[in-house]
Each structure stands twice: as C-alpha cells, then as structure tokens.
C-alpha cells in the first residue's frame, strides 16, 4: 500500500468517526428535550431507590448467610490457588494432570500467560 492510500483510509476513518459522534450528539440532544423521557428517567430513579431499600431490608434478614458467603468465597479462592499450584507441580514432573467432576466429566488444565509492562 502506498502512503497516499494509507492516508485516504485514515482520513475516511476520521470522517466516519466524526459522523458517528454527530449522530450520537443529536440523539442525546433529542432525549434531553423530550419531556416524556425526563419523566420516565425521574420515575426510574425513584423506583431504583425503592428497589435499593427493599434489597437492604432483605439483606439484613440474610446477614448470617452473607457472612457464610464471604467465608465460602475466601475458601474457594484458596482452593483454586492450591489446585493450580498442585497441577503445575505435577506438570513440571511430567505427570498427567486431569480431574473429574461428580458426573464423570474430565477436565484438563488450561494455563494462561500474561505479560505486564515493567
């Protein structure tokens, strides 16, 4: 590709981005001037506030369960790290790594490698 065609493609992309931005701004302006939209937005905010109150009330009734939930989450994270470490150790020794669930389905390990900027 020549420099000119690269520039043409780049210019077309920039133009398309401006057109998209213009349409989005026009849409936002139309919503801002719509009385029905404003009324519905206010009603939604009221209902969300009421929903939050109901959730908090029910959450208080389940405070013991939420404590257990937090404990389970901690246990789960710990067990996942242990499982990962044990699987890595077995693989480093050249052993086969496989687990099976209660339904007899087999699982093989899947490893991810991520790079961070240093």
PDB file of N, CA and C in Angstrom:
ATOM      1  N   UNK A   1       0.831  -1.194   0.000  1.00  0.00           N
ATOM      2  CA  UNK A   1       0.000   0.000   0.000  1.00  0.00           C
ATOM      3  C   UNK A   1       0.866   1.245   0.000  1.00  0.00           C
ATOM      4  N   UNK A   2       0.437   2.195  -0.718  1.00  0.00           N
ATOM      5  CA  UNK A   2       1.200   3.436  -0.781  1.00  0.00           C
ATOM      6  C   UNK A   2       0.798   4.348   0.364  1.00  0.00           C
ATOM      7  N   UNK A   3       1.635   5.337   0.592  1.00  0.00           N
ATOM      8  CA  UNK A   3       1.359   6.304   1.651  1.00  0.00           C
ATOM      9  C   UNK A   3       0.049   7.029   1.388  1.00  0.00           C
ATOM     10  N   UNK A   4      -0.246   7.337   0.141  1.00  0.00           N
ATOM     11  CA  UNK A   4      -1.464   8.062  -0.211  1.00  0.00           C
ATOM     12  C   UNK A   4      -2.692   7.245   0.145  1.00  0.00           C
ATOM     13  N   UNK A   5      -2.691   5.954  -0.179  1.00  0.00           N
ATOM     14  CA  UNK A   5      -3.866   5.142   0.130  1.00  0.00           C
ATOM     15  C   UNK A   5      -4.015   4.956   1.638  1.00  0.00           C
ATOM     16  N   UNK A   6      -2.894   4.871   2.360  1.00  0.00           N
ATOM     17  CA  UNK A   6      -2.980   4.804   3.822  1.00  0.00           C
ATOM     18  C   UNK A   6      -3.608   6.069   4.370  1.00  0.00           C
ATOM     19  N   UNK A   7      -3.169   7.210   3.833  1.00  0.00           N
ATOM     20  CA  UNK A   7      -3.717   8.487   4.287  1.00  0.00           C
ATOM     21  C   UNK A   7      -5.201   8.585   3.957  1.00  0.00           C
ATOM     22  N   UNK A   8      -5.593   8.097   2.771  1.00  0.00           N
ATOM     23  CA  UNK A   8      -7.005   8.126   2.385  1.00  0.00           C
ATOM     24  C   UNK A   8      -7.851   7.287   3.344  1.00  0.00           C
ATOM     25  N   UNK A   9      -7.348   6.115   3.685  1.00  0.00           N
ATOM     26  CA  UNK A   9      -8.084   5.241   4.608  1.00  0.00           C
ATOM     27  C   UNK A   9      -8.178   5.900   5.978  1.00  0.00           C
ATOM     28  N   UNK A  10      -7.060   6.472   6.445  1.00  0.00           N
ATOM     29  CA  UNK A  10      -7.055   7.148   7.731  1.00  0.00           C
ATOM     30  C   UNK A  10      -8.053   8.302   7.740  1.00  0.00           C
ATOM     31  N   UNK A  11      -8.048   9.104   6.675  1.00  0.00           N
ATOM     32  CA  UNK A  11      -8.975  10.236   6.573  1.00  0.00           C
ATOM     33  C   UNK A  11     -10.431   9.768   6.573  1.00  0.00           C
ATOM     34  N   UNK A  12     -10.705   8.671   5.876  1.00  0.00           N
ATOM     35  CA  UNK A  12     -12.060   8.125   5.838  1.00  0.00           C
ATOM     36  C   UNK A  12     -12.491   7.661   7.229  1.00  0.00           C
ATOM     37  N   UNK A  13     -11.581   7.029   7.958  1.00  0.00           N
ATOM     38  CA  UNK A  13     -11.882   6.591   9.326  1.00  0.00           C
ATOM     39  C   UNK A  13     -12.208   7.790  10.206  1.00  0.00           C
ATOM     40  N   UNK A  14     -11.398   8.847  10.104  1.00  0.00           N
ATOM     41  CA  UNK A  14     -11.632  10.051  10.912  1.00  0.00           C
ATOM     42  C   UNK A  14     -12.981  10.681  10.568  1.00  0.00           C
ATOM     43  N   UNK A  15     -13.305  10.719   9.290  1.00  0.00           N
ATOM     44  CA  UNK A  15     -14.577  11.282   8.854  1.00  0.00           C
ATOM     45  C   UNK A  15     -15.746  10.464   9.394  1.00  0.00           C
ATOM     46  N   UNK A  16     -15.624   9.160   9.317  1.00  0.00           N
ATOM     47  CA  UNK A  16     -16.690   8.287   9.825  1.00  0.00           C
ATOM     48  C   UNK A  16     -16.854   8.457  11.324  1.00  0.00           C
ATOM     49  N   UNK A  17     -15.763   8.586  12.053  1.00  0.00           N
ATOM     50  CA  UNK A  17     -15.837   8.810  13.500  1.00  0.00           C
ATOM     51  C   UNK A  17     -16.572  10.106  13.823  1.00  0.00           C
ATOM     52  N   UNK A  18     -16.290  11.172  13.038  1.00  0.00           N
ATOM     53  CA  UNK A  18     -16.988  12.447  13.255  1.00  0.00           C
ATOM     54  C   UNK A  18     -18.481  12.313  13.004  1.00  0.00           C
ATOM     55  N   UNK A  19     -18.851  11.589  11.938  1.00  0.00           N
ATOM     56  CA  UNK A  19     -20.266  11.385  11.618  1.00  0.00           C
ATOM     57  C   UNK A  19     -20.970  10.623  12.739  1.00  0.00           C
ATOM     58  N   UNK A  20     -20.309   9.596  13.263  1.00  0.00           N
ATOM     59  CA  UNK A  20     -20.873   8.817  14.378  1.00  0.00           C
ATOM     60  C   UNK A  20     -21.074   9.717  15.589  1.00  0.00           C
ATOM     61  N   UNK A  21     -20.056  10.539  15.884  1.00  0.00           N
ATOM     62  CA  UNK A  21     -20.132  11.451  17.025  1.00  0.00           C
ATOM     63  C   UNK A  21     -21.282  12.448  16.858  1.00  0.00           C
ATOM     64  N   UNK A  22     -21.450  12.976  15.652  1.00  0.00           N
ATOM     65  CA  UNK A  22     -22.528  13.934  15.383  1.00  0.00           C
ATOM     66  C   UNK A  22     -23.903  13.309  15.602  1.00  0.00           C
ATOM     67  N   UNK A  23     -24.078  12.089  15.126  1.00  0.00           N
ATOM     68  CA  UNK A  23     -25.375  11.412  15.293  1.00  0.00           C
ATOM     69  C   UNK A  23     -25.652  11.150  16.768  1.00  0.00           C
ATOM     70  N   UNK A  24     -24.632  10.711  17.508  1.00  0.00           N
ATOM     71  CA  UNK A  24     -24.814  10.446  18.938  1.00  0.00           C
ATOM     72  C   UNK A  24     -25.169  11.722  19.691  1.00  0.00           C
ATOM     73  N   UNK A  25     -24.528  12.837  19.334  1.00  0.00           N
ATOM     74  CA  UNK A  25     -24.840  14.108  19.984  1.00  0.00           C
ATOM     75  C   UNK A  25     -26.271  14.551  19.675  1.00  0.00           C
ATOM     76  N   UNK A  26     -26.702  14.394  18.441  1.00  0.00           N
ATOM     77  CA  UNK A  26     -28.069  14.767  18.064  1.00  0.00           C
ATOM     78  C   UNK A  26     -29.077  13.918  18.835  1.00  0.00           C
ATOM     79  N   UNK A  27     -28.775  12.645  18.987  1.00  0.00           N
ATOM     80  CA  UNK A  27     -29.658  11.745  19.734  1.00  0.00           C
ATOM     81  C   UNK A  27     -29.751  12.170  21.199  1.00  0.00           C
ATOM     82  N   UNK A  28     -28.601  12.484  21.803  1.00  0.00           N
ATOM     83  CA  UNK A  28     -28.599  12.922  23.207  1.00  0.00           C
ATOM     84  C   UNK A  28     -29.382  14.221  23.373  1.00  0.00           C
ATOM     85  N   UNK A  29     -29.225  15.126  22.418  1.00  0.00           N
ATOM     86  CA  UNK A  29     -29.971  16.389  22.467  1.00  0.00           C
ATOM     87  C   UNK A  29     -31.476  16.133  22.380  1.00  0.00           C
ATOM     88  N   UNK A  30     -31.871  15.220  21.505  1.00  0.00           N
ATOM     89  CA  UNK A  30     -33.292  14.899  21.354  1.00  0.00           C
ATOM     90  C   UNK A  30     -33.841  14.299  22.648  1.00  0.00           C
ATOM     91  N   UNK A  31     -33.072  13.442  23.290  1.00  0.00           N
ATOM     92  CA  UNK A  31     -33.511  12.875  24.571  1.00  0.00           C
ATOM     93  C   UNK A  31     -33.629  13.963  25.636  1.00  0.00           C
ATOM     94  N   UNK A  32     -32.666  14.874  25.665  1.00  0.00           N
ATOM     95  CA  UNK A  32     -32.664  15.936  26.668  1.00  0.00           C
ATOM     96  C   UNK A  32     -33.859  16.866  26.526  1.00  0.00           C
ATOM     97  N   UNK A  33     -34.383  17.017  25.317  1.00  0.00           N
ATOM     98  CA  UNK A  33     -35.522  17.918  25.113  1.00  0.00           C
ATOM     99  C   UNK A  33     -36.865  17.197  25.200  1.00  0.00           C
ATOM    100  N   UNK A  34     -36.850  15.888  25.357  1.00  0.00           N
ATOM    101  CA  UNK A  34     -38.095  15.126  25.436  1.00  0.00           C
ATOM    102  C   UNK A  34     -38.637  15.131  26.863  1.00  0.00           C
ATOM    103  N   UNK A  35     -39.841  15.688  27.025  1.00  0.00           N
ATOM    104  CA  UNK A  35     -40.476  15.746  28.345  1.00  0.00           C
ATOM    105  C   UNK A  35     -40.815  14.342  28.853  1.00  0.00           C
ATOM    106  N   UNK A  36     -41.296  13.484  27.972  1.00  0.00           N
ATOM    107  CA  UNK A  36     -41.634  12.113  28.370  1.00  0.00           C
ATOM    108  C   UNK A  36     -40.396  11.377  28.857  1.00  0.00           C
ATOM    109  N   UNK A  37     -39.279  11.561  28.172  1.00  0.00           N
ATOM    110  CA  UNK A  37     -38.031  10.910  28.574  1.00  0.00           C
ATOM    111  C   UNK A  37     -37.599  11.379  29.958  1.00  0.00           C
ATOM    112  N   UNK A  38     -37.713  12.683  30.211  1.00  0.00           N
ATOM    113  CA  UNK A  38     -37.351  13.235  31.521  1.00  0.00           C
ATOM    114  C   UNK A  38     -38.228  12.632  32.615  1.00  0.00           C
ATOM    115  N   UNK A  39     -39.537  12.550  32.358  1.00  0.00           N
ATOM    116  CA  UNK A  39     -40.457  11.995  33.352  1.00  0.00           C
ATOM    117  C   UNK A  39     -40.143  10.529  33.638  1.00  0.00           C
ATOM    118  N   UNK A  40     -39.884   9.777  32.593  1.00  0.00           N
ATOM    119  CA  UNK A  40     -39.557   8.361  32.772  1.00  0.00           C
ATOM    120  C   UNK A  40     -38.243   8.191  33.530  1.00  0.00           C
ATOM    121  N   UNK A  41     -37.282   9.034  33.244  1.00  0.00           N
ATOM    122  CA  UNK A  41     -35.992   8.966  33.938  1.00  0.00           C
ATOM    123  C   UNK A  41     -36.163   9.228  35.425  1.00  0.00           C
ATOM    124  N   UNK A  42     -36.978  10.215  35.767  1.00  0.00           N
ATOM    125  CA  UNK A  42     -37.232  10.510  37.178  1.00  0.00           C
ATOM    126  C   UNK A  42     -37.943   9.346  37.859  1.00  0.00           C
ATOM    127  N   UNK A  43     -38.929   8.764  37.178  1.00  0.00           N
ATOM    128  CA  UNK A  43     -39.660   7.631  37.735  1.00  0.00           C
ATOM    129  C   UNK A  43     -38.722   6.438  37.957  1.00  0.00           C
ATOM    130  N   UNK A  44     -37.824   6.226  37.010  1.00  0.00           N
ATOM    131  CA  UNK A  44     -36.855   5.126  37.138  1.00  0.00           C
ATOM    132  C   UNK A  44     -35.966   5.351  38.355  1.00  0.00           C
ATOM    133  N   UNK A  45     -35.508   6.585  38.561  1.00  0.00           N
ATOM    134  CA  UNK A  45     -34.656   6.887  39.714  1.00  0.00           C
ATOM    135  C   UNK A  45     -35.395   6.610  41.021  1.00  0.00           C
ATOM    136  N   UNK A  46     -36.664   6.986  41.085  1.00  0.00           N
ATOM    137  CA  UNK A  46     -37.471   6.724  42.278  1.00  0.00           C
ATOM    138  C   UNK A  46     -37.601   5.225  42.522  1.00  0.00           C
ATOM    139  N   UNK A  47     -37.893   4.480  41.457  1.00  0.00           N
ATOM    140  CA  UNK A  47     -38.044   3.037  41.589  1.00  0.00           C
ATOM    141  C   UNK A  47     -36.729   2.361  41.965  1.00  0.00           C
ATOM    142  N   UNK A  48     -35.617   2.848  41.435  1.00  0.00           N
ATOM    143  CA  UNK A  48     -34.321   2.285  41.798  1.00  0.00           C
ATOM    144  C   UNK A  48     -34.017   2.521  43.271  1.00  0.00           C
ATOM    145  N   UNK A  49     -34.392   3.698  43.777  1.00  0.00           N
ATOM    146  CA  UNK A  49     -34.209   3.993  45.196  1.00  0.00           C
ATOM    147  C   UNK A  49     -35.038   3.060  46.062  1.00  0.00           C
ATOM    148  N   UNK A  50     -36.274   2.852  45.662  1.00  0.00           N
ATOM    149  CA  UNK A  50     -37.163   1.950  46.410  1.00  0.00           C
ATOM    150  C   UNK A  50     -36.633   0.516  46.350  1.00  0.00           C
ATOM    151  N   UNK A  51     -36.160   0.108  45.174  1.00  0.00           N
ATOM    152  CA  UNK A  51     -35.590  -1.230  44.999  1.00  0.00           C
ATOM    153  C   UNK A  51     -34.408  -1.424  45.941  1.00  0.00           C
ATOM    154  N   UNK A  52     -33.549  -0.397  46.042  1.00  0.00           N
ATOM    155  CA  UNK A  52     -32.376  -0.461  46.911  1.00  0.00           C
ATOM    156  C   UNK A  52     -32.796  -0.623  48.370  1.00  0.00           C
ATOM    157  N   UNK A  53     -33.886   0.067  48.775  1.00  0.00           N
ATOM    158  CA  UNK A  53     -34.382  -0.054  50.154  1.00  0.00           C
ATOM    159  C   UNK A  53     -34.856  -1.479  50.436  1.00  0.00           C
ATOM    160  N   UNK A  54     -35.587  -2.060  49.499  1.00  0.00           N
ATOM    161  CA  UNK A  54     -36.085  -3.428  49.667  1.00  0.00           C
ATOM    162  C   UNK A  54     -34.916  -4.404  49.735  1.00  0.00           C
ATOM    163  N   UNK A  55     -33.931  -4.216  48.864  1.00  0.00           N
ATOM    164  CA  UNK A  55     -32.752  -5.090  48.877  1.00  0.00           C
ATOM    165  C   UNK A  55     -32.029  -5.013  50.210  1.00  0.00           C
ATOM    166  N   UNK A  56     -31.855  -3.807  50.737  1.00  0.00           N
ATOM    167  CA  UNK A  56     -31.164  -3.642  52.012  1.00  0.00           C
ATOM    168  C   UNK A  56     -31.941  -4.302  53.150  1.00  0.00           C
ATOM    169  N   UNK A  57     -33.241  -4.184  53.113  1.00  0.00           N
ATOM    170  CA  UNK A  57     -34.078  -4.805  54.139  1.00  0.00           C
ATOM    171  C   UNK A  57     -33.924  -6.328  54.118  1.00  0.00           C
ATOM    172  N   UNK A  58     -33.990  -6.894  52.945  1.00  0.00           N
ATOM    173  CA  UNK A  58     -33.864  -8.352  52.817  1.00  0.00           C
ATOM    174  C   UNK A  58     -32.437  -8.787  53.142  1.00  0.00           C
ATOM    175  N   UNK A  59     -31.458  -7.968  52.763  1.00  0.00           N
ATOM    176  CA  UNK A  59     -30.057  -8.291  53.038  1.00  0.00           C
ATOM    177  C   UNK A  59     -29.819  -8.380  54.553  1.00  0.00           C
ATOM    178  N   UNK A  60     -30.493  -7.523  55.321  1.00  0.00           N
ATOM    179  CA  UNK A  60     -30.358  -7.574  56.773  1.00  0.00           C
ATOM    180  C   UNK A  60     -30.889  -8.899  57.314  1.00  0.00           C
ATOM    181  N   UNK A  61     -31.958  -9.403  56.696  1.00  0.00           N
ATOM    182  CA  UNK A  61     -32.510 -10.686  57.123  1.00  0.00           C
ATOM    183  C   UNK A  61     -31.558 -11.836  56.821  1.00  0.00           C
ATOM    184  N   UNK A  62     -30.700 -11.647  55.832  1.00  0.00           N
ATOM    185  CA  UNK A  62     -29.775 -12.690  55.408  1.00  0.00           C
ATOM    186  C   UNK A  62     -28.341 -12.415  55.868  1.00  0.00           C
ATOM    187  N   UNK A  63     -28.153 -11.631  56.909  1.00  0.00           N
ATOM    188  CA  UNK A  63     -26.801 -11.240  57.314  1.00  0.00           C
ATOM    189  C   UNK A  63     -25.928 -12.447  57.631  1.00  0.00           C
ATOM    190  N   UNK A  64     -26.504 -13.470  58.272  1.00  0.00           N
ATOM    191  CA  UNK A  64     -25.735 -14.673  58.578  1.00  0.00           C
ATOM    192  C   UNK A  64     -25.289 -15.398  57.324  1.00  0.00           C
ATOM    193  N   UNK A  65     -26.181 -15.483  56.351  1.00  0.00           N
ATOM    194  CA  UNK A  65     -25.852 -16.144  55.101  1.00  0.00           C
ATOM    195  C   UNK A  65     -24.774 -15.383  54.331  1.00  0.00           C
ATOM    196  N   UNK A  66     -24.810 -14.052  54.410  1.00  0.00           N
ATOM    197  CA  UNK A  66     -23.803 -13.267  53.710  1.00  0.00           C
ATOM    198  C   UNK A  66     -22.428 -13.438  54.350  1.00  0.00           C
ATOM    199  N   UNK A  67     -22.394 -13.638  55.662  1.00  0.00           N
ATOM    200  CA  UNK A  67     -21.124 -13.930  56.329  1.00  0.00           C
ATOM    201  C   UNK A  67     -20.579 -15.261  55.832  1.00  0.00           C
ATOM    202  N   UNK A  68     -21.458 -16.261  55.739  1.00  0.00           N
ATOM    203  CA  UNK A  68     -21.050 -17.562  55.206  1.00  0.00           C
ATOM    204  C   UNK A  68     -20.592 -17.423  53.761  1.00  0.00           C
ATOM    205  N   UNK A  69     -21.307 -16.627  52.981  1.00  0.00           N
ATOM    206  CA  UNK A  69     -20.961 -16.410  51.580  1.00  0.00           C
ATOM    207  C   UNK A  69     -19.546 -15.853  51.450  1.00  0.00           C
ATOM    208  N   UNK A  70     -19.212 -14.877  52.275  1.00  0.00           N
ATOM    209  CA  UNK A  70     -17.863 -14.307  52.246  1.00  0.00           C
ATOM    210  C   UNK A  70     -16.823 -15.358  52.601  1.00  0.00           C
ATOM    211  N   UNK A  71     -17.126 -16.182  53.617  1.00  0.00           N
ATOM    212  CA  UNK A  71     -16.207 -17.258  54.001  1.00  0.00           C
ATOM    213  C   UNK A  71     -16.031 -18.253  52.859  1.00  0.00           C
ATOM    214  N   UNK A  72     -17.129 -18.609  52.196  1.00  0.00           N
ATOM    215  CA  UNK A  72     -17.057 -19.540  51.067  1.00  0.00           C
ATOM    216  C   UNK A  72     -16.209 -18.975  49.938  1.00  0.00           C
ATOM    217  N   UNK A  73     -16.344 -17.688  49.677  1.00  0.00           N
ATOM    218  CA  UNK A  73     -15.559 -17.055  48.622  1.00  0.00           C
ATOM    219  C   UNK A  73     -14.065 -17.137  48.932  1.00  0.00           C
ATOM    220  N   UNK A  74     -13.714 -16.890  50.181  1.00  0.00           N
ATOM    221  CA  UNK A  74     -12.307 -16.969  50.599  1.00  0.00           C
ATOM    222  C   UNK A  74     -11.800 -18.396  50.451  1.00  0.00           C
ATOM    223  N   UNK A  75     -12.602 -19.374  50.908  1.00  0.00           N
ATOM    224  CA  UNK A  75     -12.228 -20.783  50.783  1.00  0.00           C
ATOM    225  C   UNK A  75     -12.057 -21.171  49.316  1.00  0.00           C
ATOM    226  N   UNK A  76     -12.962 -20.712  48.468  1.00  0.00           N
ATOM    227  CA  UNK A  76     -12.907 -21.029  47.048  1.00  0.00           C
ATOM    228  C   UNK A  76     -11.624 -20.497  46.416  1.00  0.00           C
ATOM    229  N   UNK A  77     -11.291 -19.247  46.697  1.00  0.00           N
ATOM    230  CA  UNK A  77     -10.065 -18.659  46.154  1.00  0.00           C
ATOM    231  C   UNK A  77      -8.841 -19.440  46.610  1.00  0.00           C
ATOM    232  N   UNK A  78      -8.817 -19.797  47.878  1.00  0.00           N
ATOM    233  CA  UNK A  78      -7.690 -20.547  48.424  1.00  0.00           C
ATOM    234  C   UNK A  78      -7.572 -21.910  47.755  1.00  0.00           C
ATOM    235  N   UNK A  79      -8.692 -22.608  47.608  1.00  0.00           N
ATOM    236  CA  UNK A  79      -8.679 -23.930  46.973  1.00  0.00           C
ATOM    237  C   UNK A  79      -8.280 -23.843  45.503  1.00  0.00           C
ATOM    238  N   UNK A  80      -8.697 -22.784  44.817  1.00  0.00           N
ATOM    239  CA  UNK A  80      -8.332 -22.628  43.413  1.00  0.00           C
ATOM    240  C   UNK A  80      -6.827 -22.416  43.261  1.00  0.00           C
ATOM    241  N   UNK A  81      -6.244 -21.649  44.161  1.00  0.00           N
ATOM    242  CA  UNK A  81      -4.798 -21.443  44.131  1.00  0.00           C
ATOM    243  C   UNK A  81      -4.079 -22.762  44.415  1.00  0.00           C
ATOM    244  N   UNK A  82      -4.578 -23.507  45.410  1.00  0.00           N
ATOM    245  CA  UNK A  82      -3.971 -24.806  45.727  1.00  0.00           C
ATOM    246  C   UNK A  82      -4.052 -25.766  44.550  1.00  0.00           C
ATOM    247  N   UNK A  83      -5.221 -25.826  43.900  1.00  0.00           N
ATOM    248  CA  UNK A  83      -5.406 -26.701  42.753  1.00  0.00           C
ATOM    249  C   UNK A  83      -4.451 -26.317  41.622  1.00  0.00           C
ATOM    250  N   UNK A  84      -4.335 -25.039  41.364  1.00  0.00           N
ATOM    251  CA  UNK A  84      -3.445 -24.551  40.319  1.00  0.00           C
ATOM    252  C   UNK A  84      -1.987 -24.901  40.634  1.00  0.00           C
ATOM    253  N   UNK A  85      -1.583 -24.677  41.870  1.00  0.00           N
ATOM    254  CA  UNK A  85      -0.207 -24.983  42.271  1.00  0.00           C
ATOM    255  C   UNK A  85       0.082 -26.476  42.164  1.00  0.00           C
ATOM    256  N   UNK A  86      -0.870 -27.304  42.613  1.00  0.00           N
ATOM    257  CA  UNK A  86      -0.684 -28.759  42.552  1.00  0.00           C
ATOM    258  C   UNK A  86      -0.616 -29.235  41.103  1.00  0.00           C
ATOM    259  N   UNK A  87      -1.463 -28.695  40.242  1.00  0.00           N
ATOM    260  CA  UNK A  87      -1.455 -29.078  38.835  1.00  0.00           C
ATOM    261  C   UNK A  87      -0.143 -28.669  38.184  1.00  0.00           C
ATOM    262  N   UNK A  88       0.339 -27.480  38.479  1.00  0.00           N
ATOM    263  CA  UNK A  88       1.599 -27.012  37.906  1.00  0.00           C
ATOM    264  C   UNK A  88       2.750 -27.900  38.361  1.00  0.00           C
ATOM    265  N   UNK A  89       2.760 -28.285  39.628  1.00  0.00           N
ATOM    266  CA  UNK A  89       3.811 -29.159  40.157  1.00  0.00           C
ATOM    267  C   UNK A  89       3.811 -30.505  39.440  1.00  0.00           C
ATOM    268  N   UNK A  90       2.614 -31.086  39.247  1.00  0.00           N
ATOM    269  CA  UNK A  90       2.525 -32.377  38.557  1.00  0.00           C
ATOM    270  C   UNK A  90       2.998 -32.265  37.112  1.00  0.00           C
ATOM    271  N   UNK A  91       2.611 -31.175  36.447  1.00  0.00           N
ATOM    272  CA  UNK A  91       3.034 -30.996  35.059  1.00  0.00           C
ATOM    273  C   UNK A  91       4.539 -30.842  34.955  1.00  0.00           C
ATOM    274  N   UNK A  92       5.140 -30.113  35.909  1.00  0.00           N
ATOM    275  CA  UNK A  92       6.588 -29.912  35.896  1.00  0.00           C
ATOM    276  C   UNK A  92       7.323 -31.237  36.083  1.00  0.00           C
ATOM    277  N   UNK A  93       6.687 -32.189  36.758  1.00  0.00           N
ATOM    278  CA  UNK A  93       7.274 -33.516  36.960  1.00  0.00           C
ATOM    279  C   UNK A  93       7.007 -34.435  35.778  1.00  0.00           C
ATOM    280  N   UNK A  94       6.212 -33.960  34.807  1.00  0.00           N
ATOM    281  CA  UNK A  94       5.909 -34.754  33.628  1.00  0.00           C
ATOM    282  C   UNK A  94       4.728 -35.693  33.823  1.00  0.00           C
ATOM    283  N   UNK A  95       3.991 -35.529  34.906  1.00  0.00           N
ATOM    284  CA  UNK A  95       2.842 -36.383  35.177  1.00  0.00           C
ATOM    285  C   UNK A  95       1.607 -35.853  34.454  1.00  0.00           C
ATOM    286  N   UNK A  96       0.643 -36.747  34.215  1.00  0.00           N
ATOM    287  CA  UNK A  96      -0.615 -36.357  33.592  1.00  0.00           C
ATOM    288  C   UNK A  96      -1.465 -35.622  34.619  1.00  0.00           C
ATOM    289  N   UNK A  97      -2.064 -34.554  34.187  1.00  0.00           N
ATOM    290  CA  UNK A  97      -2.902 -33.745  35.073  1.00  0.00           C
ATOM    291  C   UNK A  97      -4.324 -33.775  34.548  1.00  0.00           C
ATOM    292  N   UNK A  98      -5.233 -34.283  35.373  1.00  0.00           N
ATOM    293  CA  UNK A  98      -6.633 -34.400  34.976  1.00  0.00           C
ATOM    294  C   UNK A  98      -7.485 -34.521  36.230  1.00  0.00           C
ATOM    295  N   UNK A  99      -8.643 -33.911  36.231  1.00  0.00           N
ATOM    296  CA  UNK A  99      -9.606 -34.064  37.329  1.00  0.00           C
ATOM    297  C   UNK A  99     -10.954 -34.446  36.735  1.00  0.00           C
ATOM    298  N   UNK A 100     -11.848 -34.919  37.602  1.00  0.00           N
ATOM    299  CA  UNK A 100     -13.153 -35.398  37.151  1.00  0.00           C
ATOM    300  C   UNK A 100     -14.222 -34.865  38.099  1.00  0.00           C
ATOM    301  N   UNK A 101     -15.352 -34.415  37.556  1.00  0.00           N
ATOM    302  CA  UNK A 101     -16.435 -33.933  38.414  1.00  0.00           C
ATOM    303  C   UNK A 101     -17.359 -35.071  38.821  1.00  0.00           C
ATOM    304  N   UNK A 102     -18.400 -34.742  39.577  1.00  0.00           N
ATOM    305  CA  UNK A 102     -19.306 -35.764  40.101  1.00  0.00           C
ATOM    306  C   UNK A 102     -20.107 -36.473  39.017  1.00  0.00           C
ATOM    307  N   UNK A 103     -20.118 -35.920  37.801  1.00  0.00           N
ATOM    308  CA  UNK A 103     -20.849 -36.533  36.697  1.00  0.00           C
ATOM    309  C   UNK A 103     -19.935 -37.329  35.771  1.00  0.00           C
ATOM    310  N   UNK A 104     -18.670 -37.450  36.141  1.00  0.00           N
ATOM    311  CA  UNK A 104     -17.727 -38.214  35.353  1.00  0.00           C
ATOM    312  C   UNK A 104     -17.097 -37.433  34.205  1.00  0.00           C
ATOM    313  N   UNK A 105     -17.366 -36.148  34.118  1.00  0.00           N
ATOM    314  CA  UNK A 105     -16.756 -35.333  33.066  1.00  0.00           C
ATOM    315  C   UNK A 105     -15.323 -35.009  33.466  1.00  0.00           C
ATOM    316  N   UNK A 106     -14.412 -35.163  32.518  1.00  0.00           N
ATOM    317  CA  UNK A 106     -12.996 -34.932  32.788  1.00  0.00           C
ATOM    318  C   UNK A 106     -12.600 -33.512  32.393  1.00  0.00           C
ATOM    319  N   UNK A 107     -11.673 -32.977  33.165  1.00  0.00           N
ATOM    320  CA  UNK A 107     -11.170 -31.625  32.934  1.00  0.00           C
ATOM    321  C   UNK A 107      -9.653 -31.667  32.830  1.00  0.00           C
ATOM    322  N   UNK A 108      -9.144 -31.032  31.785  1.00  0.00           N
ATOM    323  CA  UNK A 108      -7.704 -30.875  31.617  1.00  0.00           C
ATOM    324  C   UNK A 108      -7.345 -29.442  31.989  1.00  0.00           C
ATOM    325  N   UNK A 109      -6.132 -29.230  32.456  1.00  0.00           N
ATOM    326  CA  UNK A 109      -5.745 -27.864  32.844  1.00  0.00           C
ATOM    327  C   UNK A 109      -5.590 -26.957  31.628  1.00  0.00           C
ATOM    328  N   UNK A 110      -5.856 -25.707  31.859  1.00  0.00           N
ATOM    329  CA  UNK A 110      -5.669 -24.676  30.844  1.00  0.00           C
ATOM    330  C   UNK A 110      -4.867 -23.571  31.507  1.00  0.00           C
ATOM    331  N   UNK A 111      -3.723 -23.258  30.925  1.00  0.00           N
ATOM    332  CA  UNK A 111      -2.856 -22.262  31.532  1.00  0.00           C
ATOM    333  C   UNK A 111      -2.850 -20.997  30.688  1.00  0.00           C
ATOM    334  N   UNK A 112      -2.802 -19.877  31.365  1.00  0.00           N
ATOM    335  CA  UNK A 112      -2.734 -18.569  30.724  1.00  0.00           C
ATOM    336  C   UNK A 112      -1.388 -17.947  31.023  1.00  0.00           C
ATOM    337  N   UNK A 113      -0.856 -17.264  30.065  1.00  0.00           N
ATOM    338  CA  UNK A 113       0.349 -16.486  30.273  1.00  0.00           C
ATOM    339  C   UNK A 113       0.002 -15.050  29.941  1.00  0.00           C
ATOM    340  N   UNK A 114       0.252 -14.174  30.893  1.00  0.00           N
ATOM    341  CA  UNK A 114       0.002 -12.755  30.668  1.00  0.00           C
ATOM    342  C   UNK A 114       1.296 -11.998  30.852  1.00  0.00           C
ATOM    343  N   UNK A 115       1.462 -10.951  30.099  1.00  0.00           N
ATOM    344  CA  UNK A 115       2.635 -10.122  30.194  1.00  0.00           C
ATOM    345  C   UNK A 115       2.236  -8.750  30.724  1.00  0.00           C
ATOM    346  N   UNK A 116       3.045  -8.235  31.639  1.00  0.00           N
ATOM    347  CA  UNK A 116       2.818  -6.899  32.160  1.00  0.00           C
ATOM    348  C   UNK A 116       3.983  -6.015  31.761  1.00  0.00           C
ATOM    349  N   UNK A 117       3.668  -4.775  31.565  1.00  0.00           N
ATOM    350  CA  UNK A 117       4.719  -3.813  31.258  1.00  0.00           C
ATOM    351  C   UNK A 117       5.555  -3.617  32.509  1.00  0.00           C
ATOM    352  N   UNK A 118       6.871  -3.630  32.363  1.00  0.00           N
ATOM    353  CA  UNK A 118       7.758  -3.474  33.519  1.00  0.00           C
ATOM    354  C   UNK A 118       8.414  -2.137  33.538  1.00  0.00           C
TER     355      UNK A 118
END
